[in-house]
């Protein structure tokens, strides 16, 4: 074959190889939404709830794959509902920072602090921490003395969520239950850490309601004071890796509001949580009380 003939064949050959490579290894981009670009201060004192809320609206209205990024830092965040359904095929919530709950109980008008509802295709990951700041309010828990007591809020709630994976996150010092899972389908927990002092009141681990199909990949090892009930094994698939594409602007549509039946903080776990988006306004972080040596519960692969 002459050099002239080879030079004519080379461009088509390279194009063919590139097309084959593209078919073999598809690149799946997602759009990155950083809460700091929405005004999050991350000083541990300013309420960043509005920044989280606005970032979620754009994430949920994006028609492609989307990632909500919480960078390193300390974020005081009032009660929030991350509600769907979302328009894209997958939503990633990547938490690298330390998210702090308000200490003032007047900020809570619902039974939980942070709730994910009606989202299909959810991945929550990032080795971040959700700190319920429970030590400052645990002395107010007198439910062992009075049936008319006010229940303290849960830390994390997942309701009517489908095809989800919650991995490598830590819940610290929840005011009440660390995690509530209600009416979810195909939800997988992996390498979850739940930390609270051994004598903290009612800081149960994970509660399931309404026959949620949720499963940990490994058995739980927990003290008797942590309640963890897992149902039958679902069909679970690994979430695809999401690569952030350069941001070119902000989506404008808001996410659909999630409507659920009202629930008071004292309602049983088999009842749907309360509806609506709640955010704390002007809440300040309370005193940093030194907790007793913690107990740790880990959900991890063996």
Protein backbone atom coordinates (compact mmCIF):
# COMPACT_ATOMS: atom_id res chain seq x y z
CA UNK A 1 0.00 0.00 0.00
CA UNK A 2 1.45 3.32 -1.08
CA UNK A 3 1.82 6.27 1.26
CA UNK A 4 -0.72 8.20 -0.79
CA UNK A 5 -3.35 5.45 -0.47
CA UNK A 6 -2.75 5.13 3.29
CA UNK A 7 -3.13 8.88 3.77
CA UNK A 8 -6.58 8.72 2.17
CA UNK A 9 -7.66 5.83 4.42
CA UNK A 10 -6.35 7.26 7.69
CA UNK A 11 -9.04 9.89 8.41
CA UNK A 12 -11.99 7.48 7.87
CA UNK A 13 -10.19 4.86 9.97
CA UNK A 14 -9.71 7.26 12.87
CA UNK A 15 -13.31 8.40 12.67
CA UNK A 16 -14.50 4.78 12.77
CA UNK A 17 -12.34 4.02 15.81
CA UNK A 18 -13.63 7.10 17.61
CA UNK A 19 -17.23 6.14 16.89
CA UNK A 20 -16.64 2.62 18.22
CA UNK A 21 -14.98 3.99 21.36
CA UNK A 22 -17.87 6.36 21.93
CA UNK A 23 -20.33 3.48 21.68
CA UNK A 24 -18.27 1.29 24.03
CA UNK A 25 -17.72 3.97 26.72
CA UNK A 26 -20.58 6.48 26.68
CA UNK A 27 -19.94 9.70 28.63
CA UNK A 28 -22.89 10.68 30.76
CA UNK A 29 -22.67 14.27 31.91
CA UNK A 30 -24.68 15.93 34.59
CA UNK A 31 -25.12 19.55 35.48
CA UNK A 32 -23.56 20.73 38.72
CA UNK A 33 -25.48 23.00 41.10
CA UNK A 34 -23.28 24.28 43.95
CA UNK A 35 -25.18 25.68 46.95
CA UNK A 36 -22.48 28.34 47.37
CA UNK A 37 -23.43 29.73 43.98
CA UNK A 38 -26.91 30.27 45.44
CA UNK A 39 -25.67 32.30 48.39
CA UNK A 40 -24.78 29.67 51.01
CA UNK A 41 -22.37 31.25 53.52
CA UNK A 42 -21.16 28.08 55.27
CA UNK A 43 -20.15 29.81 58.51
CA UNK A 44 -22.22 27.58 60.80
CA UNK A 45 -24.33 30.51 62.02
CA UNK A 46 -26.14 32.04 59.03
CA UNK A 47 -29.22 30.09 57.95
CA UNK A 48 -28.41 28.71 54.48
CA UNK A 49 -31.81 27.07 53.99
CA UNK A 50 -32.85 29.45 51.20
CA UNK A 51 -29.70 28.68 49.20
CA UNK A 52 -30.35 24.93 49.52
CA UNK A 53 -33.99 25.41 48.55
CA UNK A 54 -33.21 27.45 45.44
CA UNK A 55 -30.45 25.08 44.34
CA UNK A 56 -32.83 22.14 44.68
CA UNK A 57 -35.48 23.86 42.57
CA UNK A 58 -33.02 24.14 39.70
CA UNK A 59 -31.71 20.61 40.22
CA UNK A 60 -35.18 19.11 40.19
CA UNK A 61 -36.30 21.07 37.13
CA UNK A 62 -33.20 20.17 35.08
CA UNK A 63 -34.17 17.67 32.37
CA UNK A 64 -30.83 15.88 32.37
CA UNK A 65 -28.78 14.35 35.15
CA UNK A 66 -28.17 16.85 37.93
CA UNK A 67 -25.97 17.07 41.00
CA UNK A 68 -26.57 19.22 44.07
CA UNK A 69 -23.16 19.88 45.61
CA UNK A 70 -22.62 20.85 49.25
CA UNK A 71 -18.88 21.67 49.46
CA UNK A 72 -16.79 21.51 52.62
CA UNK A 73 -17.89 23.95 55.29
CA UNK A 74 -20.43 24.28 58.10
CA UNK A 75 -23.97 24.94 56.91
CA UNK A 76 -26.75 25.88 59.32
CA UNK A 77 -29.89 24.77 57.48
CA UNK A 78 -33.45 25.19 58.67
CA UNK A 79 -36.07 22.47 58.01
CA UNK A 80 -36.29 21.59 54.31
CA UNK A 81 -38.25 19.36 51.97
CA UNK A 82 -36.48 18.23 48.81
CA UNK A 83 -39.64 17.46 46.86
CA UNK A 84 -40.25 15.87 43.47
CA UNK A 85 -41.11 14.50 41.09
CA UNK A 86 -38.06 15.80 39.26
CA UNK A 87 -37.76 16.15 35.49
CA UNK A 88 -34.39 14.43 35.01
CA UNK A 89 -33.56 10.71 35.13
CA UNK A 90 -31.21 10.98 38.12
CA UNK A 91 -30.52 13.39 40.97
CA UNK A 92 -27.28 13.22 42.97
CA UNK A 93 -26.99 15.02 46.31
CA UNK A 94 -23.27 15.16 47.06
CA UNK A 95 -22.59 16.32 50.61
CA UNK A 96 -19.00 17.01 51.58
CA UNK A 97 -19.70 19.55 54.30
CA UNK A 98 -21.12 19.53 57.81
CA UNK A 99 -24.84 20.33 57.76
CA UNK A 100 -26.22 21.65 61.07
CA UNK A 101 -29.83 21.58 62.29
CA UNK A 102 -31.34 24.58 64.10
CA UNK A 103 -31.36 24.29 67.88
CA UNK A 104 -34.49 26.41 68.37
CA UNK A 105 -37.47 24.03 68.35
CA UNK A 106 -39.75 26.87 67.20
CA UNK A 107 -38.12 26.52 63.77
CA UNK A 108 -39.76 23.10 63.29
CA UNK A 109 -43.35 23.02 62.07
CA UNK A 110 -43.07 19.42 60.82
CA UNK A 111 -41.95 16.12 62.28
CA UNK A 112 -38.56 16.13 60.59
CA UNK A 113 -35.56 18.30 59.80
CA UNK A 114 -34.66 17.29 56.22
CA UNK A 115 -37.02 15.30 54.01
CA UNK A 116 -36.77 13.80 50.50
CA UNK A 117 -40.16 13.10 48.90
CA UNK A 118 -41.45 11.75 45.60
CA UNK A 119 -38.02 11.53 43.97
CA UNK A 120 -37.33 8.72 41.48
CA UNK A 121 -33.63 8.05 40.84
CA UNK A 122 -31.87 9.54 43.88
CA UNK A 123 -28.32 9.16 45.12
CA UNK A 124 -27.29 10.79 48.42
CA UNK A 125 -23.56 10.44 49.02
CA UNK A 126 -20.33 12.33 49.70
CA UNK A 127 -19.11 11.38 53.21
CA UNK A 128 -20.76 14.47 54.65
CA UNK A 129 -22.32 14.86 58.09
CA UNK A 130 -25.86 15.75 59.16
CA UNK A 131 -25.66 17.09 62.71
CA UNK A 132 -28.99 17.24 64.54
CA UNK A 133 -27.41 19.19 67.44
CA UNK A 134 -29.44 17.12 69.86
CA UNK A 135 -27.53 17.66 73.14
CA UNK A 136 -29.01 21.14 73.64
CA UNK A 137 -32.62 19.85 73.49
CA UNK A 138 -32.40 16.30 74.85
CA UNK A 139 -33.15 17.56 78.39
CA UNK A 140 -36.55 18.72 77.03
CA UNK A 141 -37.51 15.17 76.12
CA UNK A 142 -39.87 14.16 78.94
CA UNK A 143 -41.94 11.64 76.97
CA UNK A 144 -41.09 8.97 79.52
CA UNK A 145 -42.93 11.09 82.10
CA UNK A 146 -45.81 12.65 80.17
CA UNK A 147 -48.00 11.35 77.34
CA UNK A 148 -48.66 14.95 76.28
CA UNK A 149 -45.02 15.73 75.59
CA UNK A 150 -43.85 17.33 72.36
CA UNK A 151 -41.85 14.94 70.21
CA UNK A 152 -38.50 16.21 69.03
CA UNK A 153 -37.93 16.24 65.23
CA UNK A 154 -36.30 13.43 63.29
CA UNK A 155 -33.13 14.20 61.35
CA UNK A 156 -33.67 12.62 57.91
CA UNK A 157 -36.84 11.43 56.21
CA UNK A 158 -37.32 9.59 52.90
CA UNK A 159 -40.95 9.28 51.78
CA UNK A 160 -42.31 7.87 48.50
CA UNK A 161 -38.77 7.69 47.09
CA UNK A 162 -38.00 5.13 44.35
CA UNK A 163 -34.79 3.64 42.97
CA UNK A 164 -32.50 5.35 45.46
CA UNK A 165 -29.20 4.75 47.17
CA UNK A 166 -28.07 6.43 50.39
CA UNK A 167 -24.39 5.86 51.01
CA UNK A 168 -21.37 7.09 52.99
CA UNK A 169 -23.19 9.73 55.01
CA UNK A 170 -23.13 10.23 58.77
CA UNK A 171 -25.94 11.32 61.08
CA UNK A 172 -24.74 12.80 64.37
CA UNK A 173 -26.67 13.58 67.55
CA UNK A 174 -30.16 13.49 66.10
CA UNK A 175 -32.78 15.17 68.27
CA UNK A 176 -34.97 12.09 67.83
CA UNK A 177 -34.85 9.29 65.22
CA UNK A 178 -31.83 9.46 62.90
CA UNK A 179 -33.65 8.28 59.77
CA UNK A 180 -37.29 7.61 58.86
CA UNK A 181 -38.13 5.67 55.66
CA UNK A 182 -41.77 5.63 54.56
CA UNK A 183 -43.37 3.99 51.50
CA UNK A 184 -40.12 3.81 49.53
CA UNK A 185 -39.36 1.28 46.79
CA UNK A 186 -35.94 -0.08 45.86
CA UNK A 187 -34.00 2.03 48.34
CA UNK A 188 -30.52 0.83 49.29
CA UNK A 189 -28.49 1.87 52.33
CA UNK A 190 -24.72 1.46 52.20
CA UNK A 191 -22.03 2.51 54.70
CA UNK A 192 -24.31 4.69 56.81
CA UNK A 193 -22.99 5.84 60.21
CA UNK A 194 -25.33 6.85 63.03
CA UNK A 195 -23.65 8.43 66.07
CA UNK A 196 -25.15 9.53 69.41
CA UNK A 197 -24.31 9.07 73.11
CA UNK A 198 -25.47 5.82 74.67
CA UNK A 199 -27.82 7.60 77.07
CA UNK A 200 -29.35 10.01 74.53
CA UNK A 201 -33.17 9.73 74.61
CA UNK A 202 -35.08 8.21 71.68
CA UNK A 203 -32.24 8.55 69.17
CA UNK A 204 -33.38 5.39 67.40
CA UNK A 205 -31.47 4.44 64.29
CA UNK A 206 -33.73 3.73 61.31
CA UNK A 207 -37.52 3.43 61.28
CA UNK A 208 -39.46 1.95 58.38
CA UNK A 209 -43.15 2.53 57.71
CA UNK A 210 -45.84 1.27 55.30
CA UNK A 211 -43.91 -1.78 54.07
CA UNK A 212 -41.02 0.18 52.64
CA UNK A 213 -38.81 -2.03 50.48
CA UNK A 214 -35.44 -1.07 51.82
CA UNK A 215 -32.37 -3.12 52.53
CA UNK A 216 -28.85 -2.74 53.82
CA UNK A 217 -26.16 -4.76 51.98
CA UNK A 218 -24.90 -6.04 55.34
CA UNK A 219 -26.53 -6.96 58.68
CA UNK A 220 -26.75 -4.25 61.32
CA UNK A 221 -24.64 -4.37 64.44
CA UNK A 222 -26.13 -1.94 66.93
CA UNK A 223 -26.74 -1.46 70.67
CA UNK A 224 -30.20 -2.35 71.92
CA UNK A 225 -31.08 1.32 72.19
CA UNK A 226 -30.97 1.75 68.41
CA UNK A 227 -33.99 0.45 66.49
CA UNK A 228 -33.29 -0.72 62.95
CA UNK A 229 -35.89 -2.72 61.01
CA UNK A 230 -35.21 -3.69 57.41
CA UNK A 231 -37.68 -5.37 55.06
CA UNK A 232 -37.30 -7.76 52.17
CA UNK A 233 -34.54 -7.50 49.58
CA UNK A 234 -35.37 -5.23 46.61
CA UNK A 235 -33.97 -5.38 43.12
CA UNK A 236 -31.16 -2.87 43.31
CA UNK A 237 -28.84 -1.48 40.64
CA UNK A 238 -25.71 0.60 40.99
CA UNK A 239 -26.14 4.30 40.29
CA UNK A 240 -24.02 5.47 37.34
CA UNK A 241 -21.08 7.76 37.89
CA UNK A 242 -22.01 11.36 37.23
CA UNK A 243 -19.50 13.76 35.69
CA UNK A 244 -20.13 17.46 36.10
CA UNK A 245 -20.40 19.49 32.92
CA UNK A 246 -19.60 23.23 32.90
CA UNK A 247 -22.55 25.24 34.16
CA UNK A 248 -24.07 27.54 31.57
CA UNK A 249 -26.81 29.14 33.61
CA UNK A 250 -29.63 28.31 35.95
CA UNK A 251 -32.81 26.43 35.20
CA UNK A 252 -35.88 28.47 36.00
CA UNK A 253 -38.74 26.09 36.70
CA UNK A 254 -39.53 25.15 40.30
CA UNK A 255 -39.94 21.56 41.41
CA UNK A 256 -43.41 20.17 41.92
CA UNK A 257 -44.70 20.44 45.48
CA UNK A 258 -45.01 17.16 47.35
CA UNK A 259 -48.41 16.64 48.96
CA UNK A 260 -48.65 14.18 51.83
CA UNK A 261 -50.97 13.68 54.73
CA UNK A 262 -50.30 15.84 57.78
CA UNK A 263 -48.43 14.27 60.63
CA UNK A 264 -47.74 15.63 64.06
CA UNK A 265 -44.34 15.00 65.69
CA UNK A 266 -45.97 12.40 67.93
CA UNK A 267 -47.55 10.34 65.14
CA UNK A 268 -46.53 6.71 64.64
CA UNK A 269 -43.97 5.79 61.99
CA UNK A 270 -46.61 4.15 59.81
CA UNK A 271 -48.18 7.52 58.95
CA UNK A 272 -47.09 9.80 56.14
CA UNK A 273 -45.04 12.81 57.22
CA UNK A 274 -46.34 16.34 57.01
CA UNK A 275 -46.39 18.24 53.73
CA UNK A 276 -45.02 21.52 52.47
CA UNK A 277 -41.65 23.20 52.37
CA UNK A 278 -40.53 24.56 55.72
CA UNK A 279 -37.47 26.75 56.20
CA UNK A 280 -36.18 28.34 59.37
CA UNK A 281 -35.69 32.10 59.19
CA UNK A 282 -32.93 33.81 61.11
CA UNK A 283 -32.13 30.79 63.26
CA UNK A 284 -28.83 30.90 65.08
CA UNK A 285 -26.74 27.98 66.14
CA UNK A 286 -27.14 27.22 69.82
CA UNK A 287 -24.45 26.56 72.42
CA UNK A 288 -21.96 23.87 71.57
CA UNK A 289 -22.54 21.44 74.41
CA UNK A 290 -19.99 18.72 74.93
CA UNK A 291 -21.73 15.34 74.48
CA UNK A 292 -20.92 12.16 76.32
CA UNK A 293 -18.77 9.50 74.59
CA UNK A 294 -20.78 8.49 71.51
CA UNK A 295 -22.16 5.20 70.38
CA UNK A 296 -21.74 4.42 66.71
CA UNK A 297 -23.85 2.35 64.37
CA UNK A 298 -22.48 1.56 60.94
CA UNK A 299 -24.18 0.09 57.91
CA UNK A 300 -21.38 -1.19 55.73
CA UNK A 301 -20.33 -3.98 53.47
CA UNK A 302 -18.68 -6.98 55.09
